[in-house]
N, C-alpha and C. Protein backbone atom coordinates (compact mmCIF):
# COMPACT_ATOMS: atom_id res chain seq x y z
N MET A 1 -69.22 -169.06 14.76
CA MET A 1 -68.25 -169.21 14.56
C MET A 1 -66.89 -168.46 16.03
N ASN A 2 -67.64 -167.43 15.87
CA ASN A 2 -66.94 -167.31 16.95
C ASN A 2 -66.83 -167.37 17.83
N LYS A 3 -67.26 -168.79 18.46
CA LYS A 3 -66.91 -169.40 19.52
C LYS A 3 -66.62 -170.52 19.14
N LEU A 4 -65.78 -170.89 18.02
CA LEU A 4 -65.05 -172.04 17.42
C LEU A 4 -63.92 -171.60 17.50
N ALA A 5 -63.86 -170.28 17.26
CA ALA A 5 -62.61 -169.01 16.70
C ALA A 5 -62.36 -169.17 18.16
N GLN A 6 -62.89 -168.67 19.03
CA GLN A 6 -61.81 -168.67 20.16
C GLN A 6 -62.53 -169.85 21.03
N THR A 7 -62.78 -170.83 20.58
CA THR A 7 -61.79 -172.20 21.21
C THR A 7 -60.87 -172.65 21.06
N LEU A 8 -60.50 -172.63 19.72
CA LEU A 8 -59.55 -172.63 19.37
C LEU A 8 -58.61 -172.17 18.76
N SER A 9 -58.65 -171.12 19.79
CA SER A 9 -57.69 -169.54 19.91
C SER A 9 -57.02 -170.52 21.14
N VAL A 10 -58.13 -170.26 21.26
CA VAL A 10 -57.68 -170.33 23.46
C VAL A 10 -56.89 -172.22 23.34
N ALA A 11 -57.44 -173.60 23.11
CA ALA A 11 -57.08 -174.55 22.19
C ALA A 11 -55.37 -174.58 21.90
N GLY A 12 -54.91 -173.43 20.62
CA GLY A 12 -53.68 -173.27 20.26
C GLY A 12 -52.84 -172.77 21.21
N LEU A 13 -53.77 -171.69 22.03
CA LEU A 13 -52.59 -170.63 23.29
C LEU A 13 -52.22 -171.99 24.65
N MET A 14 -53.11 -172.83 24.30
CA MET A 14 -53.16 -173.96 25.29
C MET A 14 -51.68 -175.54 25.16
N VAL A 15 -51.94 -175.05 23.83
CA VAL A 15 -50.74 -175.82 23.48
C VAL A 15 -49.74 -175.33 23.30
N ALA A 16 -49.63 -174.17 22.91
CA ALA A 16 -48.08 -173.62 23.54
C ALA A 16 -47.49 -173.26 23.95
N CYS A 17 -48.55 -173.10 25.24
CA CYS A 17 -47.81 -173.12 26.35
C CYS A 17 -47.33 -174.18 27.28
N VAL A 18 -48.58 -175.37 27.02
CA VAL A 18 -47.49 -176.47 26.93
C VAL A 18 -46.00 -176.24 26.37
N LEU A 19 -46.49 -176.50 25.20
CA LEU A 19 -44.92 -177.36 24.53
C LEU A 19 -43.77 -176.51 25.13
N LEU A 20 -44.58 -174.82 25.03
CA LEU A 20 -42.80 -174.25 25.56
C LEU A 20 -42.32 -173.86 26.77
N GLN A 21 -43.39 -174.65 27.96
CA GLN A 21 -43.06 -174.46 29.42
C GLN A 21 -41.38 -175.42 29.66
N GLY A 22 -41.67 -176.03 28.49
CA GLY A 22 -40.59 -176.97 28.73
C GLY A 22 -38.93 -175.57 28.19
N CYS A 23 -39.33 -175.22 27.87
CA CYS A 23 -38.44 -174.01 27.33
C CYS A 23 -39.29 -172.94 27.86
N GLU A 24 -38.87 -173.04 29.43
CA GLU A 24 -39.43 -171.64 30.17
C GLU A 24 -38.92 -170.79 30.22
N THR A 25 -37.43 -171.17 30.29
CA THR A 25 -36.32 -169.98 30.38
C THR A 25 -35.50 -170.04 28.48
N ALA A 26 -34.39 -169.30 28.05
CA ALA A 26 -33.39 -168.95 27.72
C ALA A 26 -32.85 -170.43 27.49
N PRO A 27 -32.59 -171.20 27.03
CA PRO A 27 -30.98 -172.09 27.05
C PRO A 27 -29.55 -171.57 27.16
N LYS A 28 -29.22 -171.70 28.72
CA LYS A 28 -28.23 -171.08 29.63
C LYS A 28 -26.80 -170.83 28.34
N GLN A 29 -26.16 -170.14 27.40
CA GLN A 29 -25.64 -169.73 27.62
C GLN A 29 -23.62 -170.58 27.68
N ALA A 30 -23.58 -171.23 27.49
CA ALA A 30 -21.21 -171.72 27.72
C ALA A 30 -21.44 -171.31 28.68
N PRO A 31 -20.77 -171.09 30.13
CA PRO A 31 -19.71 -170.25 30.60
C PRO A 31 -18.67 -169.51 28.94
N ALA A 32 -18.72 -168.54 29.20
CA ALA A 32 -17.46 -168.10 28.55
C ALA A 32 -16.46 -168.57 29.18
N PRO A 33 -15.51 -169.14 28.54
CA PRO A 33 -14.30 -168.95 29.25
C PRO A 33 -13.30 -168.18 30.46
N LYS A 34 -13.08 -168.98 30.90
CA LYS A 34 -12.11 -167.86 31.79
C LYS A 34 -10.35 -167.90 31.14
N PRO A 35 -10.53 -166.65 31.40
CA PRO A 35 -9.23 -166.70 30.70
C PRO A 35 -8.01 -167.38 31.36
N VAL A 36 -7.59 -167.68 29.76
CA VAL A 36 -6.08 -169.04 30.49
C VAL A 36 -5.16 -168.02 31.37
N VAL A 37 -4.49 -168.34 32.25
CA VAL A 37 -4.12 -167.79 33.71
C VAL A 37 -2.21 -168.93 33.55
N LYS A 38 -1.39 -168.53 33.80
CA LYS A 38 -0.11 -168.99 33.80
C LYS A 38 0.25 -169.64 35.50
N PRO A 39 0.63 -170.76 36.00
CA PRO A 39 0.81 -170.34 36.87
C PRO A 39 1.76 -169.72 37.30
N LYS A 40 1.67 -169.01 38.71
CA LYS A 40 2.63 -167.89 38.34
C LYS A 40 4.06 -168.90 38.92
N GLU A 41 5.13 -168.82 38.58
CA GLU A 41 6.00 -169.52 38.36
C GLU A 41 6.92 -169.42 39.99
N PRO A 42 7.50 -169.45 40.85
CA PRO A 42 7.72 -170.09 41.97
C PRO A 42 9.21 -168.72 42.44
N PRO A 43 9.02 -167.83 42.51
CA PRO A 43 10.42 -167.88 43.05
C PRO A 43 11.40 -168.35 42.91
N PRO A 44 12.99 -167.69 41.73
CA PRO A 44 14.72 -167.92 41.38
C PRO A 44 13.88 -168.21 43.32
N PRO A 45 15.25 -169.92 43.11
CA PRO A 45 15.91 -169.54 44.49
C PRO A 45 16.73 -168.38 44.94
N PRO A 46 17.17 -168.62 46.01
CA PRO A 46 18.25 -167.23 45.87
C PRO A 46 19.57 -167.57 46.11
N PRO A 47 20.00 -167.03 46.13
CA PRO A 47 21.43 -167.25 45.09
C PRO A 47 22.12 -167.46 46.80
N PRO A 48 23.29 -168.89 46.16
CA PRO A 48 23.91 -169.34 47.56
C PRO A 48 25.21 -167.72 47.89
N PRO A 49 24.49 -168.34 49.23
CA PRO A 49 26.07 -168.07 49.83
C PRO A 49 27.24 -167.56 48.95
N PRO A 50 27.90 -165.72 49.12
CA PRO A 50 28.92 -166.33 48.02
C PRO A 50 30.14 -167.13 49.17
N VAL A 51 30.94 -167.92 47.75
CA VAL A 51 31.67 -168.41 48.65
C VAL A 51 33.63 -168.03 48.65
N GLU A 52 33.85 -168.51 49.64
CA GLU A 52 35.41 -167.05 50.74
C GLU A 52 36.43 -168.28 49.67
N PRO A 53 37.35 -167.96 49.11
CA PRO A 53 37.92 -168.50 48.01
C PRO A 53 39.34 -169.60 49.68
N THR A 54 39.33 -170.17 49.12
CA THR A 54 39.53 -171.35 50.48
C THR A 54 41.51 -170.86 50.11
N VAL A 55 42.06 -170.38 51.16
CA VAL A 55 43.24 -170.27 51.56
C VAL A 55 44.19 -171.08 52.53
N PRO A 56 45.29 -172.05 51.34
CA PRO A 56 46.02 -173.02 51.93
C PRO A 56 47.08 -172.82 53.03
N ALA A 57 46.81 -173.47 53.33
CA ALA A 57 47.34 -173.56 54.67
C ALA A 57 48.14 -173.44 54.92
N LEU A 58 49.25 -172.46 55.79
CA LEU A 58 50.44 -172.18 55.79
C LEU A 58 51.28 -172.71 56.49
N SER A 59 52.53 -173.47 56.10
CA SER A 59 52.98 -174.21 56.51
C SER A 59 53.78 -173.83 57.88
N PRO A 60 53.97 -174.44 58.60
CA PRO A 60 54.39 -174.13 59.49
C PRO A 60 55.55 -172.98 60.36
N ASP A 61 55.96 -173.43 59.23
CA ASP A 61 58.03 -171.81 59.38
C ASP A 61 57.23 -171.25 59.01
N VAL A 62 56.03 -171.08 57.36
CA VAL A 62 55.80 -169.64 56.95
C VAL A 62 55.12 -168.96 57.80
N GLN A 63 54.00 -169.43 58.27
CA GLN A 63 53.46 -169.56 59.38
C GLN A 63 53.76 -168.36 60.59
N ALA A 64 54.73 -169.22 60.91
CA ALA A 64 55.97 -168.18 61.91
C ALA A 64 56.50 -167.44 62.04
N LEU A 65 56.93 -167.60 60.89
CA LEU A 65 57.77 -166.16 59.73
C LEU A 65 56.81 -164.58 59.79
N LYS A 66 55.49 -165.55 59.41
CA LYS A 66 55.13 -163.82 59.37
C LYS A 66 54.42 -163.64 60.94
N ASP A 67 53.39 -164.32 61.85
CA ASP A 67 53.96 -163.59 63.10
C ASP A 67 54.58 -163.34 63.46
N GLY A 68 55.62 -163.94 63.99
CA GLY A 68 57.43 -163.23 64.22
C GLY A 68 57.94 -161.85 63.47
N THR A 69 56.85 -161.74 61.92
CA THR A 69 56.95 -160.23 61.43
C THR A 69 55.74 -159.53 62.44
N ALA A 70 54.31 -159.81 62.37
CA ALA A 70 54.14 -159.62 63.22
C ALA A 70 53.91 -159.13 64.37
N LEU A 71 55.06 -160.01 65.08
CA LEU A 71 55.13 -159.75 66.70
C LEU A 71 56.25 -158.40 66.11
N TYR A 72 56.55 -157.65 65.67
CA TYR A 72 57.84 -157.27 64.51
C TYR A 72 57.42 -155.40 64.84
N ASP A 73 56.68 -155.75 64.09
CA ASP A 73 55.72 -154.81 63.04
C ASP A 73 54.98 -153.73 64.72
N GLY A 74 54.69 -155.00 65.57
CA GLY A 74 54.03 -154.37 66.79
C GLY A 74 54.54 -153.53 67.76
N GLY A 75 55.50 -153.78 68.30
CA GLY A 75 56.77 -153.31 68.18
C GLY A 75 57.12 -153.87 69.56
N ASP A 76 56.15 -156.08 69.55
CA ASP A 76 56.59 -156.85 70.41
C ASP A 76 58.03 -156.64 69.98
N TYR A 77 60.22 -156.06 70.13
CA TYR A 77 60.62 -156.83 69.48
C TYR A 77 61.63 -158.38 70.30
N ASN A 78 60.77 -158.05 71.73
CA ASN A 78 61.53 -159.63 72.04
C ASN A 78 60.07 -161.25 71.87
N GLY A 79 59.09 -160.93 71.59
CA GLY A 79 58.24 -161.97 71.23
C GLY A 79 58.71 -162.01 69.67
N ALA A 80 59.10 -161.52 68.85
CA ALA A 80 59.53 -161.71 67.45
C ALA A 80 60.43 -162.29 67.85
N ILE A 81 61.74 -162.14 68.81
CA ILE A 81 62.50 -162.60 68.44
C ILE A 81 62.45 -164.04 69.01
N LYS A 82 61.67 -164.19 69.88
CA LYS A 82 61.24 -165.36 70.46
C LYS A 82 60.90 -166.26 69.71
N LYS A 83 59.69 -165.99 68.94
CA LYS A 83 58.58 -167.02 67.92
C LYS A 83 59.70 -167.63 66.66
N LEU A 84 59.82 -165.83 65.91
CA LEU A 84 61.27 -166.76 64.80
C LEU A 84 62.02 -167.00 65.12
N GLY A 85 63.38 -167.23 66.16
CA GLY A 85 64.07 -168.58 66.69
C GLY A 85 63.36 -169.87 67.66
N GLY A 86 61.98 -170.08 67.28
CA GLY A 86 61.47 -171.02 67.51
C GLY A 86 61.34 -172.32 66.58
N ASN A 87 61.13 -173.67 67.13
CA ASN A 87 62.09 -175.00 65.83
C ASN A 87 60.92 -174.85 64.77
N GLU A 88 59.52 -173.82 64.23
CA GLU A 88 59.01 -174.48 63.49
C GLU A 88 59.84 -173.85 62.27
N ILE A 89 60.48 -172.92 62.50
CA ILE A 89 62.19 -171.99 61.78
C ILE A 89 63.45 -172.94 60.93
N TRP A 90 63.42 -172.96 62.24
CA TRP A 90 64.52 -173.73 61.99
C TRP A 90 64.75 -175.34 61.56
N SER A 91 63.82 -175.60 62.18
CA SER A 91 63.47 -177.02 61.97
C SER A 91 62.98 -177.49 60.23
N GLY A 92 62.44 -177.07 59.20
CA GLY A 92 61.69 -176.50 57.91
C GLY A 92 63.64 -176.69 57.41
N HIS A 93 63.11 -176.67 55.61
CA HIS A 93 64.78 -176.68 55.12
C HIS A 93 64.01 -175.43 54.40
N ASN A 94 63.32 -174.29 54.33
CA ASN A 94 63.32 -173.72 53.94
C ASN A 94 64.59 -171.92 53.82
N LYS A 95 65.02 -172.66 52.64
CA LYS A 95 66.32 -170.81 53.21
C LYS A 95 65.54 -169.57 53.20
N ASP A 96 64.45 -169.25 52.50
CA ASP A 96 64.10 -168.49 52.26
C ASP A 96 63.45 -167.44 53.87
N VAL A 97 62.11 -168.25 54.92
CA VAL A 97 61.69 -168.32 55.51
C VAL A 97 63.28 -167.82 56.46
N GLN A 98 63.99 -168.16 56.60
CA GLN A 98 65.19 -168.75 57.97
C GLN A 98 65.95 -167.62 57.45
N LEU A 99 66.74 -167.41 55.85
CA LEU A 99 66.54 -165.95 55.67
C LEU A 99 66.16 -164.86 56.57
N GLY A 100 64.30 -164.13 55.87
CA GLY A 100 63.50 -163.52 56.73
C GLY A 100 64.14 -163.83 58.65
N ALA A 101 63.60 -164.59 59.01
CA ALA A 101 64.20 -165.58 60.76
C ALA A 101 64.53 -163.70 60.56
N LEU A 102 66.14 -164.05 60.27
CA LEU A 102 67.24 -163.84 60.13
C LEU A 102 67.25 -162.57 60.71
N LYS A 103 66.48 -161.59 59.75
CA LYS A 103 66.59 -160.37 59.27
C LYS A 103 66.23 -159.82 60.48
N ILE A 104 64.99 -160.02 60.14
CA ILE A 104 63.97 -160.20 61.50
C ILE A 104 64.91 -159.71 62.97
N MET A 105 64.80 -160.51 63.63
CA MET A 105 65.32 -161.19 64.83
C MET A 105 66.65 -159.74 64.32
N ALA A 106 67.33 -159.72 64.34
CA ALA A 106 68.44 -158.80 63.53
C ALA A 106 68.57 -157.35 63.64
N PHE A 107 67.50 -156.63 62.93
CA PHE A 107 67.01 -155.82 63.01
C PHE A 107 65.43 -156.57 64.88
N SER A 108 64.76 -156.92 65.43
CA SER A 108 65.03 -156.85 66.98
C SER A 108 65.99 -156.35 67.54
N TYR A 109 66.86 -157.32 67.09
CA TYR A 109 67.98 -156.56 68.45
C TYR A 109 68.21 -156.03 68.24
N CYS A 110 68.74 -154.92 67.41
CA CYS A 110 68.93 -153.89 66.90
C CYS A 110 68.10 -152.66 67.57
N VAL A 111 67.43 -153.19 67.13
CA VAL A 111 66.78 -152.13 67.50
C VAL A 111 66.36 -151.96 69.60
N THR A 112 67.05 -152.97 69.86
CA THR A 112 66.72 -152.82 71.18
C THR A 112 67.79 -152.30 71.58
N SER A 113 68.86 -152.05 71.29
CA SER A 113 70.32 -151.72 71.35
C SER A 113 71.26 -153.47 71.47
N ARG A 114 71.12 -153.79 70.60
CA ARG A 114 71.71 -155.33 71.25
C ARG A 114 72.47 -155.91 69.95
N THR A 115 73.38 -154.37 70.10
CA THR A 115 73.89 -154.81 68.24
C THR A 115 74.13 -155.35 68.49
N GLN A 116 75.71 -156.81 69.36
CA GLN A 116 76.54 -158.34 69.00
C GLN A 116 75.48 -159.46 68.74
N LEU A 117 74.55 -159.31 69.61
CA LEU A 117 73.29 -160.19 68.44
C LEU A 117 72.83 -159.93 67.76
N CYS A 118 72.45 -158.86 67.44
CA CYS A 118 72.28 -158.32 65.64
C CYS A 118 73.36 -158.59 64.82
N ARG A 119 74.51 -158.55 64.55
CA ARG A 119 75.70 -158.77 64.00
C ARG A 119 76.07 -159.96 64.02
N GLN A 120 75.09 -161.25 64.90
CA GLN A 120 75.38 -162.58 64.57
C GLN A 120 74.17 -162.85 63.73
N GLN A 121 72.99 -162.20 64.01
CA GLN A 121 72.34 -162.31 62.47
C GLN A 121 72.47 -162.74 61.28
N PHE A 122 72.75 -161.05 61.69
CA PHE A 122 74.03 -161.41 60.05
C PHE A 122 74.98 -162.29 59.28
N ASP A 123 76.11 -162.59 60.79
CA ASP A 123 76.94 -163.26 59.85
C ASP A 123 75.62 -164.24 59.80
N LYS A 124 75.57 -164.91 60.63
CA LYS A 124 74.26 -166.60 60.46
C LYS A 124 73.54 -166.24 58.94
N ALA A 125 72.93 -165.41 57.86
CA ALA A 125 72.36 -164.63 57.20
C ALA A 125 73.74 -165.16 56.10
N LEU A 126 74.87 -164.67 56.49
CA LEU A 126 75.24 -164.91 55.46
C LEU A 126 76.04 -165.90 54.75
N LYS A 127 76.23 -166.57 56.10
CA LYS A 127 76.60 -167.75 55.57
C LYS A 127 75.88 -169.11 55.42
N LEU A 128 74.64 -168.70 55.42
CA LEU A 128 73.56 -169.22 55.10
C LEU A 128 73.58 -169.52 53.52
N ASP A 129 72.84 -168.11 53.11
CA ASP A 129 73.14 -167.25 52.42
C ASP A 129 74.34 -166.17 51.10
N PRO A 130 75.37 -166.38 50.68
CA PRO A 130 76.58 -165.07 51.01
C PRO A 130 75.85 -163.59 50.23
N THR A 131 74.64 -164.95 49.23
CA THR A 131 74.23 -163.28 49.27
C THR A 131 73.56 -162.75 49.15
N PHE A 132 72.86 -162.41 50.44
CA PHE A 132 72.89 -162.13 51.47
C PHE A 132 72.68 -160.77 51.12
N ASN A 133 71.09 -160.03 51.16
CA ASN A 133 71.97 -158.45 51.71
C ASN A 133 69.76 -157.69 51.79
N LEU A 134 69.98 -156.57 52.40
CA LEU A 134 69.13 -155.57 52.13
C LEU A 134 69.32 -154.65 51.42
N SER A 135 67.63 -154.11 51.67
CA SER A 135 67.19 -153.66 50.23
C SER A 135 67.60 -151.72 50.87
N ALA A 136 67.80 -151.00 49.80
CA ALA A 136 69.06 -150.33 50.16
C ALA A 136 68.64 -149.05 51.49
N ALA A 137 67.30 -148.73 52.02
CA ALA A 137 65.68 -148.68 52.11
C ALA A 137 67.03 -149.26 53.78
N GLU A 138 66.70 -150.31 54.39
CA GLU A 138 67.36 -151.28 55.32
C GLU A 138 68.99 -150.85 55.46
N ILE A 139 69.86 -151.30 54.68
CA ILE A 139 70.99 -151.01 55.05
C ILE A 139 71.54 -149.40 55.06
N GLY A 140 70.57 -148.10 54.63
CA GLY A 140 71.07 -146.43 55.26
C GLY A 140 70.15 -146.29 56.10
N HIS A 141 70.10 -147.61 57.33
CA HIS A 141 68.83 -147.07 58.53
C HIS A 141 70.16 -147.29 59.32
N PRO A 142 70.75 -146.13 60.17
CA PRO A 142 71.27 -145.60 60.55
C PRO A 142 71.46 -146.78 62.26
N VAL A 143 70.89 -147.82 63.05
CA VAL A 143 70.83 -148.41 63.30
C VAL A 143 71.36 -149.61 63.44
N TRP A 144 70.82 -150.67 62.20
CA TRP A 144 71.11 -151.75 61.68
C TRP A 144 72.31 -151.68 60.12
N GLY A 145 72.53 -150.43 59.39
CA GLY A 145 72.91 -150.97 59.02
C GLY A 145 74.40 -150.45 58.75
N PRO A 146 74.93 -150.06 59.62
CA PRO A 146 76.55 -149.52 59.94
C PRO A 146 76.69 -151.59 60.60
N VAL A 147 75.51 -152.07 61.16
CA VAL A 147 76.23 -152.81 61.78
C VAL A 147 76.10 -155.09 60.75
N PHE A 148 74.90 -154.18 59.24
CA PHE A 148 74.72 -155.24 58.72
C PHE A 148 76.11 -154.95 57.65
N LEU A 149 76.98 -153.88 57.09
CA LEU A 149 78.20 -154.09 56.76
C LEU A 149 79.27 -154.40 57.47
N LYS A 150 79.67 -154.12 58.02
CA LYS A 150 80.52 -154.51 58.75
C LYS A 150 80.41 -156.81 58.90
N SER A 151 79.11 -156.45 59.13
CA SER A 151 79.81 -158.21 58.84
C SER A 151 79.65 -159.03 57.57
N ARG A 152 78.72 -157.72 56.27
CA ARG A 152 79.55 -158.68 55.09
C ARG A 152 80.63 -158.14 54.61
N ASN A 153 81.18 -156.64 55.26
CA ASN A 153 82.11 -157.16 54.65
C ASN A 153 83.26 -158.09 55.29
N ALA A 154 83.12 -158.68 56.01
CA ALA A 154 83.96 -159.36 57.47
C ALA A 154 83.43 -160.09 56.11
N VAL A 155 82.21 -161.14 55.24
CA VAL A 155 82.28 -162.33 54.71
C VAL A 155 83.06 -162.40 53.43
N LYS A 156 82.82 -160.50 53.26
CA LYS A 156 84.22 -161.41 51.68
C LYS A 156 84.64 -160.87 52.16
N ALA A 157 85.86 -159.52 53.34
CA ALA A 157 87.56 -159.64 53.26
C ALA A 157 87.86 -161.87 53.66
N PRO A 158 88.71 -162.26 52.93
CA PRO A 158 89.15 -162.98 53.65
C PRO A 158 90.23 -163.59 54.94
N ALA A 159 89.96 -164.79 55.63
CA ALA A 159 90.81 -164.14 56.64
C ALA A 159 92.07 -164.05 56.44
N PRO A 160 92.92 -162.48 57.54
CA PRO A 160 93.87 -162.96 57.21
C PRO A 160 94.16 -164.79 56.86
N ALA A 161 96.42 -165.56 56.73
CA ALA A 161 96.07 -166.31 55.84
C ALA A 161 97.43 -166.25 57.71
N LYS A 162 97.02 -167.36 58.46
CA LYS A 162 98.47 -167.91 59.39
C LYS A 162 99.47 -167.81 59.03
N LYS A 163 100.48 -167.35 59.54
CA LYS A 163 102.26 -166.20 58.79
C LYS A 163 103.13 -167.27 59.86
N LYS A 164 103.70 -168.71 58.99
CA LYS A 164 104.98 -168.90 60.07
C LYS A 164 105.73 -168.46 60.97
N ASP A 165 105.08 -169.13 61.87
CA ASP A 165 106.60 -167.41 63.29
C ASP A 165 107.60 -167.76 62.23
N SER A 166 108.95 -166.87 62.02
CA SER A 166 109.94 -167.02 61.29
C SER A 166 111.32 -167.13 61.93
N THR A 167 110.19 -166.41 63.73
CA THR A 167 112.12 -166.46 64.57
C THR A 167 111.97 -167.63 65.27
N ALA A 168 111.61 -168.03 64.39
CA ALA A 168 111.22 -169.62 65.38
C ALA A 168 112.37 -170.03 64.24
N VAL A 169 113.08 -171.03 65.58
CA VAL A 169 114.33 -171.54 64.68
C VAL A 169 113.40 -173.35 63.98
N SER A 170 114.28 -173.92 63.55
CA SER A 170 114.17 -175.08 62.95
C SER A 170 115.17 -176.02 62.93
N LYS A 171 114.88 -176.49 63.27
CA LYS A 171 115.91 -178.33 64.18
C LYS A 171 115.78 -178.99 62.58
C-alpha cells in the first residue's frame, strides 16, 4: 500500500496544484481609497483699484476765482488782477464769487502801490453788497486796511445834500 498511498498522495498533490494554479497569488485587495482632496479654490480676485471720488467740475467763475487766488498767493499780483477781471467771473451771477474777486483784486492793487485802483475795487464791492466787510486781520493790514476803511466810511456817510445858493436872486 505504500505504493498506492504514494500514488494517491502524488495525485492529490497534483490535483491540489491544478486547483491552486488559478489562485497563483492572493487576490488583489481593493486599493485603499485615496484621501479626498478638495480642489484648490482659485485665489480671490484682486480688489478693484480704489475709486477716487469724482470731484464735481467747478463752474467757470469759481474756477477763475480759485486760479486768481492761487496767482495772488504765488505773488503774481498782476496775473491775479488779469484773471479776476476776466469774463468768467463777471459774466456769471454769483455775487460771492464777484466779491471774492474784488477783494483779491483790491489786495493786489494795494500791494503793488496802486491805492486808487485798490479803493475802486473796495467801492465796487460795497456797491455790490453794502454789508461787505474784511476780517479783523485784513482790516488791520497796514496797506489795504486804511484804504478799505476810507471806502467803507464813504459808503456809510451819506453824501451831503446840495444846498441851493441862497445868494441867487429869484425873480
